[in-house]
Amino acid sequence: MLLVDDEPDILDFLERALRRRYLVTRFSDPAAALAALKVRSFDVLITDHKMPGVTGLELLEVVASLHPDTVRVLISGFTDVPEIAQAVARSRIHNFVLKPVDSEQLVEAIAAATRRAESYVAK
């Protein structure tokens, strides 16, 4: 699982919430995460939406193109509906999680996203 967020406190929270169930790789620099995504795949990508340089949408688009089987989850504190609709359309995200996130909500969002991804493959 790849976690990407430019805010260290949120990245720490995400890792603590998920490391008991998943092998976690994390980046606070979205450009470094983008470079990693170009050379390897991850089962799940959880990324913040608004980050400097490379946005979460850009990361999700790369993953959708290079690694279409990767489950893609977008986390955001922004509720701009047209932008979220754009993320769904362009990046084909499997789930959207609104900040602030609690650990149970996050685990359920990943499980739901994984079920959605599996149903796409099964069809």
PDB file of N, CA and C in Angstrom:
ATOM      1  N   MET A   1       0.840  -1.162   0.000  1.00  0.00           N
ATOM      2  CA  MET A   1       0.000   0.000   0.000  1.00  0.00           C
ATOM      3  C   MET A   1       0.895   1.237   0.000  1.00  0.00           C
ATOM      4  N   LEU A   2       0.519   2.197  -0.830  1.00  0.00           N
ATOM      5  CA  LEU A   2       1.253   3.453  -0.906  1.00  0.00           C
ATOM      6  C   LEU A   2       0.403   4.561  -0.320  1.00  0.00           C
ATOM      7  N   LEU A   3       0.963   5.293   0.634  1.00  0.00           N
ATOM      8  CA  LEU A   3       0.314   6.452   1.243  1.00  0.00           C
ATOM      9  C   LEU A   3       1.058   7.701   0.812  1.00  0.00           C
ATOM     10  N   VAL A   4       0.322   8.723   0.380  1.00  0.00           N
ATOM     11  CA  VAL A   4       0.944   9.975  -0.038  1.00  0.00           C
ATOM     12  C   VAL A   4       0.158  11.134   0.556  1.00  0.00           C
ATOM     13  N   ASP A   5       0.840  11.935   1.358  1.00  0.00           N
ATOM     14  CA  ASP A   5       0.248  13.148   1.919  1.00  0.00           C
ATOM     15  C   ASP A   5       1.389  14.082   2.298  1.00  0.00           C
ATOM     16  N   ASP A   6       1.238  15.347   1.982  1.00  0.00           N
ATOM     17  CA  ASP A   6       2.302  16.313   2.263  1.00  0.00           C
ATOM     18  C   ASP A   6       2.275  16.799   3.710  1.00  0.00           C
ATOM     19  N   GLU A   7       1.247  16.431   4.473  1.00  0.00           N
ATOM     20  CA  GLU A   7       1.164  16.828   5.870  1.00  0.00           C
ATOM     21  C   GLU A   7       1.675  15.678   6.747  1.00  0.00           C
ATOM     22  N   PRO A   8       2.813  15.881   7.431  1.00  0.00           N
ATOM     23  CA  PRO A   8       3.424  14.792   8.217  1.00  0.00           C
ATOM     24  C   PRO A   8       2.497  14.185   9.265  1.00  0.00           C
ATOM     25  N   ASP A   9       1.688  15.002   9.949  1.00  0.00           N
ATOM     26  CA  ASP A   9       0.796  14.465  10.981  1.00  0.00           C
ATOM     27  C   ASP A   9      -0.253  13.524  10.382  1.00  0.00           C
ATOM     28  N   ILE A  10      -0.778  13.889   9.246  1.00  0.00           N
ATOM     29  CA  ILE A  10      -1.785  13.041   8.600  1.00  0.00           C
ATOM     30  C   ILE A  10      -1.135  11.766   8.072  1.00  0.00           C
ATOM     31  N   LEU A  11       0.044  11.900   7.499  1.00  0.00           N
ATOM     32  CA  LEU A  11       0.764  10.727   7.004  1.00  0.00           C
ATOM     33  C   LEU A  11       1.070   9.768   8.150  1.00  0.00           C
ATOM     34  N   ASP A  12       1.497  10.296   9.300  1.00  0.00           N
ATOM     35  CA  ASP A  12       1.740   9.453  10.472  1.00  0.00           C
ATOM     36  C   ASP A  12       0.463   8.745  10.916  1.00  0.00           C
ATOM     37  N   PHE A  13      -0.653   9.481  10.950  1.00  0.00           N
ATOM     38  CA  PHE A  13      -1.935   8.890  11.331  1.00  0.00           C
ATOM     39  C   PHE A  13      -2.323   7.758  10.381  1.00  0.00           C
ATOM     40  N   LEU A  14      -2.225   8.026   9.079  1.00  0.00           N
ATOM     41  CA  LEU A  14      -2.581   7.012   8.091  1.00  0.00           C
ATOM     42  C   LEU A  14      -1.741   5.748   8.278  1.00  0.00           C
ATOM     43  N   GLU A  15      -0.444   5.931   8.465  1.00  0.00           N
ATOM     44  CA  GLU A  15       0.428   4.769   8.640  1.00  0.00           C
ATOM     45  C   GLU A  15       0.071   3.994   9.901  1.00  0.00           C
ATOM     46  N   ARG A  16      -0.138   4.703  11.009  1.00  0.00           N
ATOM     47  CA  ARG A  16      -0.511   4.015  12.259  1.00  0.00           C
ATOM     48  C   ARG A  16      -1.823   3.248  12.101  1.00  0.00           C
ATOM     49  N   ALA A  17      -2.776   3.837  11.390  1.00  0.00           N
ATOM     50  CA  ALA A  17      -4.088   3.210  11.228  1.00  0.00           C
ATOM     51  C   ALA A  17      -4.034   1.964  10.357  1.00  0.00           C
ATOM     52  N   LEU A  18      -3.054   1.886   9.474  1.00  0.00           N
ATOM     53  CA  LEU A  18      -3.059   0.824   8.466  1.00  0.00           C
ATOM     54  C   LEU A  18      -1.924  -0.191   8.578  1.00  0.00           C
ATOM     55  N   ARG A  19      -0.874   0.116   9.284  1.00  0.00           N
ATOM     56  CA  ARG A  19       0.303  -0.765   9.251  1.00  0.00           C
ATOM     57  C   ARG A  19       0.086  -2.127   9.907  1.00  0.00           C
ATOM     58  N   ARG A  20      -0.943  -2.259  10.755  1.00  0.00           N
ATOM     59  CA  ARG A  20      -1.217  -3.574  11.352  1.00  0.00           C
ATOM     60  C   ARG A  20      -1.811  -4.537  10.337  1.00  0.00           C
ATOM     61  N   ARG A  21      -2.463  -3.992   9.304  1.00  0.00           N
ATOM     62  CA  ARG A  21      -3.129  -4.836   8.313  1.00  0.00           C
ATOM     63  C   ARG A  21      -2.417  -4.860   6.968  1.00  0.00           C
ATOM     64  N   TYR A  22      -1.593  -3.852   6.709  1.00  0.00           N
ATOM     65  CA  TYR A  22      -0.986  -3.704   5.385  1.00  0.00           C
ATOM     66  C   TYR A  22       0.496  -3.383   5.495  1.00  0.00           C
ATOM     67  N   LEU A  23       1.230  -3.790   4.472  1.00  0.00           N
ATOM     68  CA  LEU A  23       2.614  -3.365   4.321  1.00  0.00           C
ATOM     69  C   LEU A  23       2.554  -1.973   3.704  1.00  0.00           C
ATOM     70  N   VAL A  24       3.050  -0.983   4.427  1.00  0.00           N
ATOM     71  CA  VAL A  24       2.864   0.416   4.043  1.00  0.00           C
ATOM     72  C   VAL A  24       4.173   1.034   3.564  1.00  0.00           C
ATOM     73  N   THR A  25       4.092   1.701   2.415  1.00  0.00           N
ATOM     74  CA  THR A  25       5.156   2.578   1.925  1.00  0.00           C
ATOM     75  C   THR A  25       4.565   3.975   1.929  1.00  0.00           C
ATOM     76  N   ARG A  26       5.335   4.960   2.373  1.00  0.00           N
ATOM     77  CA  ARG A  26       4.781   6.304   2.490  1.00  0.00           C
ATOM     78  C   ARG A  26       5.707   7.341   1.890  1.00  0.00           C
ATOM     79  N   PHE A  27       5.094   8.375   1.362  1.00  0.00           N
ATOM     80  CA  PHE A  27       5.826   9.517   0.819  1.00  0.00           C
ATOM     81  C   PHE A  27       5.131  10.793   1.249  1.00  0.00           C
ATOM     82  N   SER A  28       5.923  11.761   1.692  1.00  0.00           N
ATOM     83  CA  SER A  28       5.388  13.096   1.959  1.00  0.00           C
ATOM     84  C   SER A  28       5.611  14.003   0.753  1.00  0.00           C
ATOM     85  N   ASP A  29       6.455  13.573  -0.154  1.00  0.00           N
ATOM     86  CA  ASP A  29       6.746  14.316  -1.372  1.00  0.00           C
ATOM     87  C   ASP A  29       6.023  13.647  -2.538  1.00  0.00           C
ATOM     88  N   PRO A  30       4.987  14.281  -3.083  1.00  0.00           N
ATOM     89  CA  PRO A  30       4.244  13.639  -4.156  1.00  0.00           C
ATOM     90  C   PRO A  30       5.077  13.379  -5.413  1.00  0.00           C
ATOM     91  N   ALA A  31       6.082  14.193  -5.675  1.00  0.00           N
ATOM     92  CA  ALA A  31       6.946  13.947  -6.838  1.00  0.00           C
ATOM     93  C   ALA A  31       7.739  12.658  -6.653  1.00  0.00           C
ATOM     94  N   ALA A  32       8.199  12.389  -5.443  1.00  0.00           N
ATOM     95  CA  ALA A  32       8.910  11.136  -5.162  1.00  0.00           C
ATOM     96  C   ALA A  32       7.963   9.943  -5.293  1.00  0.00           C
ATOM     97  N   ALA A  33       6.722  10.113  -4.852  1.00  0.00           N
ATOM     98  CA  ALA A  33       5.732   9.044  -5.009  1.00  0.00           C
ATOM     99  C   ALA A  33       5.469   8.775  -6.483  1.00  0.00           C
ATOM    100  N   LEU A  34       5.390   9.823  -7.268  1.00  0.00           N
ATOM    101  CA  LEU A  34       5.182   9.680  -8.710  1.00  0.00           C
ATOM    102  C   LEU A  34       6.328   8.889  -9.341  1.00  0.00           C
ATOM    103  N   ALA A  35       7.551   9.196  -8.957  1.00  0.00           N
ATOM    104  CA  ALA A  35       8.711   8.460  -9.475  1.00  0.00           C
ATOM    105  C   ALA A  35       8.628   6.984  -9.089  1.00  0.00           C
ATOM    106  N   ALA A  36       8.226   6.698  -7.854  1.00  0.00           N
ATOM    107  CA  ALA A  36       8.098   5.304  -7.411  1.00  0.00           C
ATOM    108  C   ALA A  36       7.014   4.580  -8.205  1.00  0.00           C
ATOM    109  N   LEU A  37       5.917   5.264  -8.486  1.00  0.00           N
ATOM    110  CA  LEU A  37       4.813   4.653  -9.228  1.00  0.00           C
ATOM    111  C   LEU A  37       5.187   4.328 -10.665  1.00  0.00           C
ATOM    112  N   LYS A  38       6.176   5.019 -11.186  1.00  0.00           N
ATOM    113  CA  LYS A  38       6.596   4.759 -12.559  1.00  0.00           C
ATOM    114  C   LYS A  38       7.455   3.502 -12.677  1.00  0.00           C
ATOM    115  N   VAL A  39       7.971   3.011 -11.535  1.00  0.00           N
ATOM    116  CA  VAL A  39       8.832   1.823 -11.591  1.00  0.00           C
ATOM    117  C   VAL A  39       8.261   0.606 -10.867  1.00  0.00           C
ATOM    118  N   ARG A  40       7.209   0.798 -10.073  1.00  0.00           N
ATOM    119  CA  ARG A  40       6.618  -0.353  -9.400  1.00  0.00           C
ATOM    120  C   ARG A  40       5.152  -0.117  -9.129  1.00  0.00           C
ATOM    121  N   SER A  41       4.441  -1.201  -8.917  1.00  0.00           N
ATOM    122  CA  SER A  41       3.012  -1.091  -8.628  1.00  0.00           C
ATOM    123  C   SER A  41       2.766  -1.324  -7.141  1.00  0.00           C
ATOM    124  N   PHE A  42       1.617  -0.884  -6.703  1.00  0.00           N
ATOM    125  CA  PHE A  42       1.142  -1.097  -5.338  1.00  0.00           C
ATOM    126  C   PHE A  42      -0.278  -1.628  -5.436  1.00  0.00           C
ATOM    127  N   ASP A  43      -0.698  -2.416  -4.474  1.00  0.00           N
ATOM    128  CA  ASP A  43      -2.071  -2.928  -4.479  1.00  0.00           C
ATOM    129  C   ASP A  43      -3.077  -1.815  -4.230  1.00  0.00           C
ATOM    130  N   VAL A  44      -2.702  -0.862  -3.364  1.00  0.00           N
ATOM    131  CA  VAL A  44      -3.597   0.226  -2.984  1.00  0.00           C
ATOM    132  C   VAL A  44      -2.802   1.521  -2.961  1.00  0.00           C
ATOM    133  N   LEU A  45      -3.399   2.598  -3.479  1.00  0.00           N
ATOM    134  CA  LEU A  45      -2.846   3.947  -3.360  1.00  0.00           C
ATOM    135  C   LEU A  45      -3.861   4.797  -2.626  1.00  0.00           C
ATOM    136  N   ILE A  46      -3.428   5.402  -1.534  1.00  0.00           N
ATOM    137  CA  ILE A  46      -4.242   6.374  -0.813  1.00  0.00           C
ATOM    138  C   ILE A  46      -3.480   7.687  -0.879  1.00  0.00           C
ATOM    139  N   THR A  47      -4.102   8.691  -1.457  1.00  0.00           N
ATOM    140  CA  THR A  47      -3.410   9.958  -1.621  1.00  0.00           C
ATOM    141  C   THR A  47      -4.289  11.129  -1.224  1.00  0.00           C
ATOM    142  N   ASP A  48      -3.628  12.147  -0.702  1.00  0.00           N
ATOM    143  CA  ASP A  48      -4.289  13.412  -0.437  1.00  0.00           C
ATOM    144  C   ASP A  48      -4.621  14.064  -1.775  1.00  0.00           C
ATOM    145  N   HIS A  49      -5.580  14.924  -1.766  1.00  0.00           N
ATOM    146  CA  HIS A  49      -6.034  15.582  -2.976  1.00  0.00           C
ATOM    147  C   HIS A  49      -5.147  16.773  -3.323  1.00  0.00           C
ATOM    148  N   LYS A  50      -5.066  17.733  -2.424  1.00  0.00           N
ATOM    149  CA  LYS A  50      -4.351  18.989  -2.672  1.00  0.00           C
ATOM    150  C   LYS A  50      -2.948  18.905  -2.079  1.00  0.00           C
ATOM    151  N   MET A  51      -1.957  18.863  -2.963  1.00  0.00           N
ATOM    152  CA  MET A  51      -0.559  18.847  -2.530  1.00  0.00           C
ATOM    153  C   MET A  51       0.231  19.740  -3.485  1.00  0.00           C
ATOM    154  N   PRO A  52       1.340  20.281  -3.004  1.00  0.00           N
ATOM    155  CA  PRO A  52       2.140  21.141  -3.877  1.00  0.00           C
ATOM    156  C   PRO A  52       2.883  20.330  -4.942  1.00  0.00           C
ATOM    157  N   GLY A  53       3.027  20.908  -6.104  1.00  0.00           N
ATOM    158  CA  GLY A  53       3.768  20.239  -7.178  1.00  0.00           C
ATOM    159  C   GLY A  53       2.894  19.261  -7.917  1.00  0.00           C
ATOM    160  N   VAL A  54       2.847  18.034  -7.447  1.00  0.00           N
ATOM    161  CA  VAL A  54       2.046  16.970  -8.048  1.00  0.00           C
ATOM    162  C   VAL A  54       0.801  16.787  -7.184  1.00  0.00           C
ATOM    163  N   THR A  55      -0.368  16.871  -7.790  1.00  0.00           N
ATOM    164  CA  THR A  55      -1.602  16.705  -7.011  1.00  0.00           C
ATOM    165  C   THR A  55      -1.961  15.234  -6.881  1.00  0.00           C
ATOM    166  N   GLY A  56      -2.859  14.954  -5.953  1.00  0.00           N
ATOM    167  CA  GLY A  56      -3.354  13.596  -5.818  1.00  0.00           C
ATOM    168  C   GLY A  56      -4.032  13.105  -7.080  1.00  0.00           C
ATOM    169  N   LEU A  57      -4.722  13.997  -7.782  1.00  0.00           N
ATOM    170  CA  LEU A  57      -5.363  13.614  -9.037  1.00  0.00           C
ATOM    171  C   LEU A  57      -4.340  13.165 -10.069  1.00  0.00           C
ATOM    172  N   GLU A  58      -3.223  13.855 -10.135  1.00  0.00           N
ATOM    173  CA  GLU A  58      -2.169  13.460 -11.078  1.00  0.00           C
ATOM    174  C   GLU A  58      -1.609  12.091 -10.724  1.00  0.00           C
ATOM    175  N   LEU A  59      -1.382  11.842  -9.440  1.00  0.00           N
ATOM    176  CA  LEU A  59      -0.902  10.520  -9.015  1.00  0.00           C
ATOM    177  C   LEU A  59      -1.912   9.438  -9.389  1.00  0.00           C
ATOM    178  N   LEU A  60      -3.176   9.712  -9.135  1.00  0.00           N
ATOM    179  CA  LEU A  60      -4.220   8.740  -9.432  1.00  0.00           C
ATOM    180  C   LEU A  60      -4.332   8.463 -10.926  1.00  0.00           C
ATOM    181  N   GLU A  61      -4.157   9.496 -11.731  1.00  0.00           N
ATOM    182  CA  GLU A  61      -4.204   9.300 -13.186  1.00  0.00           C
ATOM    183  C   GLU A  61      -3.057   8.417 -13.665  1.00  0.00           C
ATOM    184  N   VAL A  62      -1.857   8.641 -13.118  1.00  0.00           N
ATOM    185  CA  VAL A  62      -0.709   7.814 -13.488  1.00  0.00           C
ATOM    186  C   VAL A  62      -0.968   6.370 -13.108  1.00  0.00           C
ATOM    187  N   VAL A  63      -1.469   6.148 -11.905  1.00  0.00           N
ATOM    188  CA  VAL A  63      -1.734   4.789 -11.449  1.00  0.00           C
ATOM    189  C   VAL A  63      -2.815   4.136 -12.304  1.00  0.00           C
ATOM    190  N   ALA A  64      -3.875   4.881 -12.613  1.00  0.00           N
ATOM    191  CA  ALA A  64      -4.944   4.322 -13.443  1.00  0.00           C
ATOM    192  C   ALA A  64      -4.408   3.902 -14.805  1.00  0.00           C
ATOM    193  N   SER A  65      -3.441   4.651 -15.319  1.00  0.00           N
ATOM    194  CA  SER A  65      -2.865   4.344 -16.627  1.00  0.00           C
ATOM    195  C   SER A  65      -1.837   3.212 -16.561  1.00  0.00           C
ATOM    196  N   LEU A  66      -0.896   3.317 -15.631  1.00  0.00           N
ATOM    197  CA  LEU A  66       0.204   2.345 -15.551  1.00  0.00           C
ATOM    198  C   LEU A  66      -0.167   1.064 -14.816  1.00  0.00           C
ATOM    199  N   HIS A  67      -0.974   1.189 -13.788  1.00  0.00           N
ATOM    200  CA  HIS A  67      -1.304   0.052 -12.916  1.00  0.00           C
ATOM    201  C   HIS A  67      -2.817   0.026 -12.678  1.00  0.00           C
ATOM    202  N   PRO A  68      -3.603  -0.305 -13.685  1.00  0.00           N
ATOM    203  CA  PRO A  68      -5.063  -0.205 -13.559  1.00  0.00           C
ATOM    204  C   PRO A  68      -5.681  -1.089 -12.481  1.00  0.00           C
ATOM    205  N   ASP A  69      -4.970  -2.108 -12.020  1.00  0.00           N
ATOM    206  CA  ASP A  69      -5.514  -2.976 -10.972  1.00  0.00           C
ATOM    207  C   ASP A  69      -5.307  -2.410  -9.567  1.00  0.00           C
ATOM    208  N   THR A  70      -4.539  -1.341  -9.450  1.00  0.00           N
ATOM    209  CA  THR A  70      -4.320  -0.717  -8.145  1.00  0.00           C
ATOM    210  C   THR A  70      -5.608  -0.074  -7.664  1.00  0.00           C
ATOM    211  N   VAL A  71      -5.975  -0.351  -6.421  1.00  0.00           N
ATOM    212  CA  VAL A  71      -7.141   0.280  -5.812  1.00  0.00           C
ATOM    213  C   VAL A  71      -6.756   1.717  -5.487  1.00  0.00           C
ATOM    214  N   ARG A  72      -7.609   2.671  -5.907  1.00  0.00           N
ATOM    215  CA  ARG A  72      -7.283   4.088  -5.790  1.00  0.00           C
ATOM    216  C   ARG A  72      -8.278   4.784  -4.870  1.00  0.00           C
ATOM    217  N   VAL A  73      -7.729   5.398  -3.789  1.00  0.00           N
ATOM    218  CA  VAL A  73      -8.551   6.095  -2.805  1.00  0.00           C
ATOM    219  C   VAL A  73      -8.034   7.524  -2.677  1.00  0.00           C
ATOM    220  N   LEU A  74      -8.940   8.483  -2.779  1.00  0.00           N
ATOM    221  CA  LEU A  74      -8.604   9.899  -2.654  1.00  0.00           C
ATOM    222  C   LEU A  74      -9.109  10.407  -1.314  1.00  0.00           C
ATOM    223  N   ILE A  75      -8.237  11.119  -0.597  1.00  0.00           N
ATOM    224  CA  ILE A  75      -8.602  11.742   0.677  1.00  0.00           C
ATOM    225  C   ILE A  75      -8.535  13.248   0.478  1.00  0.00           C
ATOM    226  N   SER A  76      -9.543  13.955   0.970  1.00  0.00           N
ATOM    227  CA  SER A  76      -9.541  15.404   0.793  1.00  0.00           C
ATOM    228  C   SER A  76     -10.333  16.096   1.879  1.00  0.00           C
ATOM    229  N   GLY A  77      -9.903  17.289   2.204  1.00  0.00           N
ATOM    230  CA  GLY A  77     -10.655  18.163   3.092  1.00  0.00           C
ATOM    231  C   GLY A  77     -11.550  19.094   2.304  1.00  0.00           C
ATOM    232  N   PHE A  78     -11.461  19.039   0.992  1.00  0.00           N
ATOM    233  CA  PHE A  78     -12.239  19.902   0.108  1.00  0.00           C
ATOM    234  C   PHE A  78     -13.432  19.128  -0.437  1.00  0.00           C
ATOM    235  N   THR A  79     -14.554  19.779  -0.539  1.00  0.00           N
ATOM    236  CA  THR A  79     -15.755  19.109  -1.024  1.00  0.00           C
ATOM    237  C   THR A  79     -16.257  19.743  -2.316  1.00  0.00           C
ATOM    238  N   ASP A  80     -15.349  20.142  -3.156  1.00  0.00           N
ATOM    239  CA  ASP A  80     -15.696  20.716  -4.450  1.00  0.00           C
ATOM    240  C   ASP A  80     -16.231  19.591  -5.334  1.00  0.00           C
ATOM    241  N   VAL A  81     -17.555  19.514  -5.463  1.00  0.00           N
ATOM    242  CA  VAL A  81     -18.197  18.398  -6.154  1.00  0.00           C
ATOM    243  C   VAL A  81     -17.717  18.256  -7.602  1.00  0.00           C
ATOM    244  N   PRO A  82     -17.618  19.333  -8.391  1.00  0.00           N
ATOM    245  CA  PRO A  82     -17.126  19.153  -9.762  1.00  0.00           C
ATOM    246  C   PRO A  82     -15.708  18.572  -9.816  1.00  0.00           C
ATOM    247  N   GLU A  83     -14.860  18.983  -8.891  1.00  0.00           N
ATOM    248  CA  GLU A  83     -13.489  18.459  -8.882  1.00  0.00           C
ATOM    249  C   GLU A  83     -13.464  16.988  -8.480  1.00  0.00           C
ATOM    250  N   ILE A  84     -14.302  16.596  -7.539  1.00  0.00           N
ATOM    251  CA  ILE A  84     -14.372  15.194  -7.141  1.00  0.00           C
ATOM    252  C   ILE A  84     -14.943  14.358  -8.292  1.00  0.00           C
ATOM    253  N   ALA A  85     -15.944  14.881  -8.972  1.00  0.00           N
ATOM    254  CA  ALA A  85     -16.491  14.184 -10.137  1.00  0.00           C
ATOM    255  C   ALA A  85     -15.422  14.013 -11.208  1.00  0.00           C
ATOM    256  N   GLN A  86     -14.586  15.027 -11.367  1.00  0.00           N
ATOM    257  CA  GLN A  86     -13.473  14.940 -12.325  1.00  0.00           C
ATOM    258  C   GLN A  86     -12.500  13.837 -11.905  1.00  0.00           C
ATOM    259  N   ALA A  87     -12.234  13.736 -10.612  1.00  0.00           N
ATOM    260  CA  ALA A  87     -11.331  12.694 -10.113  1.00  0.00           C
ATOM    261  C   ALA A  87     -11.886  11.314 -10.402  1.00  0.00           C
ATOM    262  N   VAL A  88     -13.171  11.154 -10.191  1.00  0.00           N
ATOM    263  CA  VAL A  88     -13.802   9.857 -10.461  1.00  0.00           C
ATOM    264  C   VAL A  88     -13.694   9.524 -11.943  1.00  0.00           C
ATOM    265  N   ALA A  89     -13.977  10.501 -12.789  1.00  0.00           N
ATOM    266  CA  ALA A  89     -13.969  10.271 -14.232  1.00  0.00           C
ATOM    267  C   ALA A  89     -12.559  10.049 -14.783  1.00  0.00           C
ATOM    268  N   ARG A  90     -11.629  10.917 -14.430  1.00  0.00           N
ATOM    269  CA  ARG A  90     -10.286  10.842 -15.011  1.00  0.00           C
ATOM    270  C   ARG A  90      -9.422   9.776 -14.367  1.00  0.00           C
ATOM    271  N   SER A  91      -9.546   9.611 -13.088  1.00  0.00           N
ATOM    272  CA  SER A  91      -8.651   8.703 -12.363  1.00  0.00           C
ATOM    273  C   SER A  91      -9.329   7.406 -11.978  1.00  0.00           C
ATOM    274  N   ARG A  92     -10.602   7.335 -12.213  1.00  0.00           N
ATOM    275  CA  ARG A  92     -11.385   6.156 -11.889  1.00  0.00           C
ATOM    276  C   ARG A  92     -11.127   5.692 -10.454  1.00  0.00           C
ATOM    277  N   ILE A  93     -11.271   6.652  -9.509  1.00  0.00           N
ATOM    278  CA  ILE A  93     -11.034   6.303  -8.110  1.00  0.00           C
ATOM    279  C   ILE A  93     -12.104   5.320  -7.643  1.00  0.00           C
ATOM    280  N   HIS A  94     -11.721   4.498  -6.692  1.00  0.00           N
ATOM    281  CA  HIS A  94     -12.623   3.495  -6.141  1.00  0.00           C
ATOM    282  C   HIS A  94     -13.349   4.005  -4.908  1.00  0.00           C
ATOM    283  N   ASN A  95     -12.751   5.011  -4.233  1.00  0.00           N
ATOM    284  CA  ASN A  95     -13.419   5.571  -3.061  1.00  0.00           C
ATOM    285  C   ASN A  95     -12.862   6.946  -2.769  1.00  0.00           C
ATOM    286  N   PHE A  96     -13.707   7.761  -2.138  1.00  0.00           N
ATOM    287  CA  PHE A  96     -13.349   9.115  -1.717  1.00  0.00           C
ATOM    288  C   PHE A  96     -13.604   9.195  -0.225  1.00  0.00           C
ATOM    289  N   VAL A  97     -12.620   9.718   0.523  1.00  0.00           N
ATOM    290  CA  VAL A  97     -12.746   9.841   1.971  1.00  0.00           C
ATOM    291  C   VAL A  97     -12.547  11.303   2.329  1.00  0.00           C
ATOM    292  N   LEU A  98     -13.489  11.842   3.083  1.00  0.00           N
ATOM    293  CA  LEU A  98     -13.443  13.234   3.487  1.00  0.00           C
ATOM    294  C   LEU A  98     -12.668  13.373   4.798  1.00  0.00           C
ATOM    295  N   LYS A  99     -11.753  14.345   4.844  1.00  0.00           N
ATOM    296  CA  LYS A  99     -11.049  14.642   6.089  1.00  0.00           C
ATOM    297  C   LYS A  99     -11.987  15.432   6.993  1.00  0.00           C
ATOM    298  N   PRO A 100     -11.854  15.316   8.303  1.00  0.00           N
ATOM    299  CA  PRO A 100     -10.914  14.463   9.023  1.00  0.00           C
ATOM    300  C   PRO A 100     -11.349  12.996   8.967  1.00  0.00           C
ATOM    301  N   VAL A 101     -10.366  12.138   8.895  1.00  0.00           N
ATOM    302  CA  VAL A 101     -10.579  10.705   8.751  1.00  0.00           C
ATOM    303  C   VAL A 101     -10.350  10.031  10.086  1.00  0.00           C
ATOM    304  N   ASP A 102     -11.208   9.071  10.437  1.00  0.00           N
ATOM    305  CA  ASP A 102     -10.880   8.241  11.597  1.00  0.00           C
ATOM    306  C   ASP A 102     -10.445   6.869  11.084  1.00  0.00           C
ATOM    307  N   SER A 103      -9.735   6.133  11.900  1.00  0.00           N
ATOM    308  CA  SER A 103      -9.113   4.892  11.436  1.00  0.00           C
ATOM    309  C   SER A 103     -10.143   3.855  10.993  1.00  0.00           C
ATOM    310  N   GLU A 104     -11.268   3.727  11.679  1.00  0.00           N
ATOM    311  CA  GLU A 104     -12.285   2.763  11.268  1.00  0.00           C
ATOM    312  C   GLU A 104     -12.878   3.137   9.916  1.00  0.00           C
ATOM    313  N   GLN A 105     -13.133   4.420   9.721  1.00  0.00           N
ATOM    314  CA  GLN A 105     -13.662   4.900   8.447  1.00  0.00           C
ATOM    315  C   GLN A 105     -12.678   4.598   7.321  1.00  0.00           C
ATOM    316  N   LEU A 106     -11.410   4.789   7.588  1.00  0.00           N
ATOM    317  CA  LEU A 106     -10.385   4.554   6.577  1.00  0.00           C
ATOM    318  C   LEU A 106     -10.301   3.077   6.197  1.00  0.00           C
ATOM    319  N   VAL A 107     -10.288   2.201   7.188  1.00  0.00           N
ATOM    320  CA  VAL A 107     -10.220   0.763   6.916  1.00  0.00           C
ATOM    321  C   VAL A 107     -11.452   0.320   6.126  1.00  0.00           C
ATOM    322  N   GLU A 108     -12.625   0.823   6.486  1.00  0.00           N
ATOM    323  CA  GLU A 108     -13.847   0.468   5.751  1.00  0.00           C
ATOM    324  C   GLU A 108     -13.818   1.029   4.332  1.00  0.00           C
ATOM    325  N   ALA A 109     -13.283   2.226   4.152  1.00  0.00           N
ATOM    326  CA  ALA A 109     -13.180   2.813   2.808  1.00  0.00           C
ATOM    327  C   ALA A 109     -12.275   1.968   1.922  1.00  0.00           C
ATOM    328  N   ILE A 110     -11.184   1.461   2.474  1.00  0.00           N
ATOM    329  CA  ILE A 110     -10.279   0.608   1.705  1.00  0.00           C
ATOM    330  C   ILE A 110     -10.970  -0.707   1.360  1.00  0.00           C
ATOM    331  N   ALA A 111     -11.662  -1.287   2.333  1.00  0.00           N
ATOM    332  CA  ALA A 111     -12.379  -2.543   2.076  1.00  0.00           C
ATOM    333  C   ALA A 111     -13.444  -2.346   0.990  1.00  0.00           C
ATOM    334  N   ALA A 112     -14.198  -1.252   1.070  1.00  0.00           N
ATOM    335  CA  ALA A 112     -15.227  -0.977   0.058  1.00  0.00           C
ATOM    336  C   ALA A 112     -14.597  -0.743  -1.308  1.00  0.00           C
ATOM    337  N   ALA A 113     -13.491  -0.015  -1.329  1.00  0.00           N
ATOM    338  CA  ALA A 113     -12.798   0.250  -2.595  1.00  0.00           C
ATOM    339  C   ALA A 113     -12.279  -1.043  -3.204  1.00  0.00           C
ATOM    340  N   THR A 114     -11.768  -1.920  -2.373  1.00  0.00           N
ATOM    341  CA  THR A 114     -11.249  -3.200  -2.855  1.00  0.00           C
ATOM    342  C   THR A 114     -12.381  -4.050  -3.427  1.00  0.00           C
ATOM    343  N   ARG A 115     -13.530  -4.055  -2.746  1.00  0.00           N
ATOM    344  CA  ARG A 115     -14.689  -4.800  -3.268  1.00  0.00           C
ATOM    345  C   ARG A 115     -15.123  -4.234  -4.616  1.00  0.00           C
ATOM    346  N   ARG A 116     -15.141  -2.904  -4.741  1.00  0.00           N
ATOM    347  CA  ARG A 116     -15.508  -2.284  -6.015  1.00  0.00           C
ATOM    348  C   ARG A 116     -14.526  -2.677  -7.108  1.00  0.00           C
ATOM    349  N   ALA A 117     -13.250  -2.618  -6.792  1.00  0.00           N
ATOM    350  CA  ALA A 117     -12.231  -2.959  -7.781  1.00  0.00           C
ATOM    351  C   ALA A 117     -12.379  -4.400  -8.224  1.00  0.00           C
ATOM    352  N   GLU A 118     -12.628  -5.294  -7.284  1.00  0.00           N
ATOM    353  CA  GLU A 118     -12.797  -6.708  -7.621  1.00  0.00           C
ATOM    354  C   GLU A 118     -14.039  -6.919  -8.469  1.00  0.00           C
ATOM    355  N   SER A 119     -15.094  -6.152  -8.231  1.00  0.00           N
ATOM    356  CA  SER A 119     -16.315  -6.315  -9.026  1.00  0.00           C
ATOM    357  C   SER A 119     -16.088  -5.828 -10.453  1.00  0.00           C
ATOM    358  N   TYR A 120     -15.221  -4.831 -10.645  1.00  0.00           N
ATOM    359  CA  TYR A 120     -14.900  -4.369 -12.000  1.00  0.00           C
ATOM    360  C   TYR A 120     -14.202  -5.480 -12.773  1.00  0.00           C
ATOM    361  N   VAL A 121     -13.291  -6.181 -12.106  1.00  0.00           N
ATOM    362  CA  VAL A 121     -12.530  -7.236 -12.755  1.00  0.00           C
ATOM    363  C   VAL A 121     -13.426  -8.433 -13.069  1.00  0.00           C
ATOM    364  N   ALA A 122     -14.360  -8.709 -12.176  1.00  0.00           N
ATOM    365  CA  ALA A 122     -15.225  -9.877 -12.338  1.00  0.00           C
ATOM    366  C   ALA A 122     -16.197  -9.733 -13.500  1.00  0.00           C
ATOM    367  N   LYS A 123     -16.488  -8.523 -13.919  1.00  0.00           N
ATOM    368  CA  LYS A 123     -17.466  -8.315 -14.991  1.00  0.00           C
ATOM    369  C   LYS A 123     -16.910  -8.581 -16.359  1.00  0.00           C
TER     370      LYS A 123
END
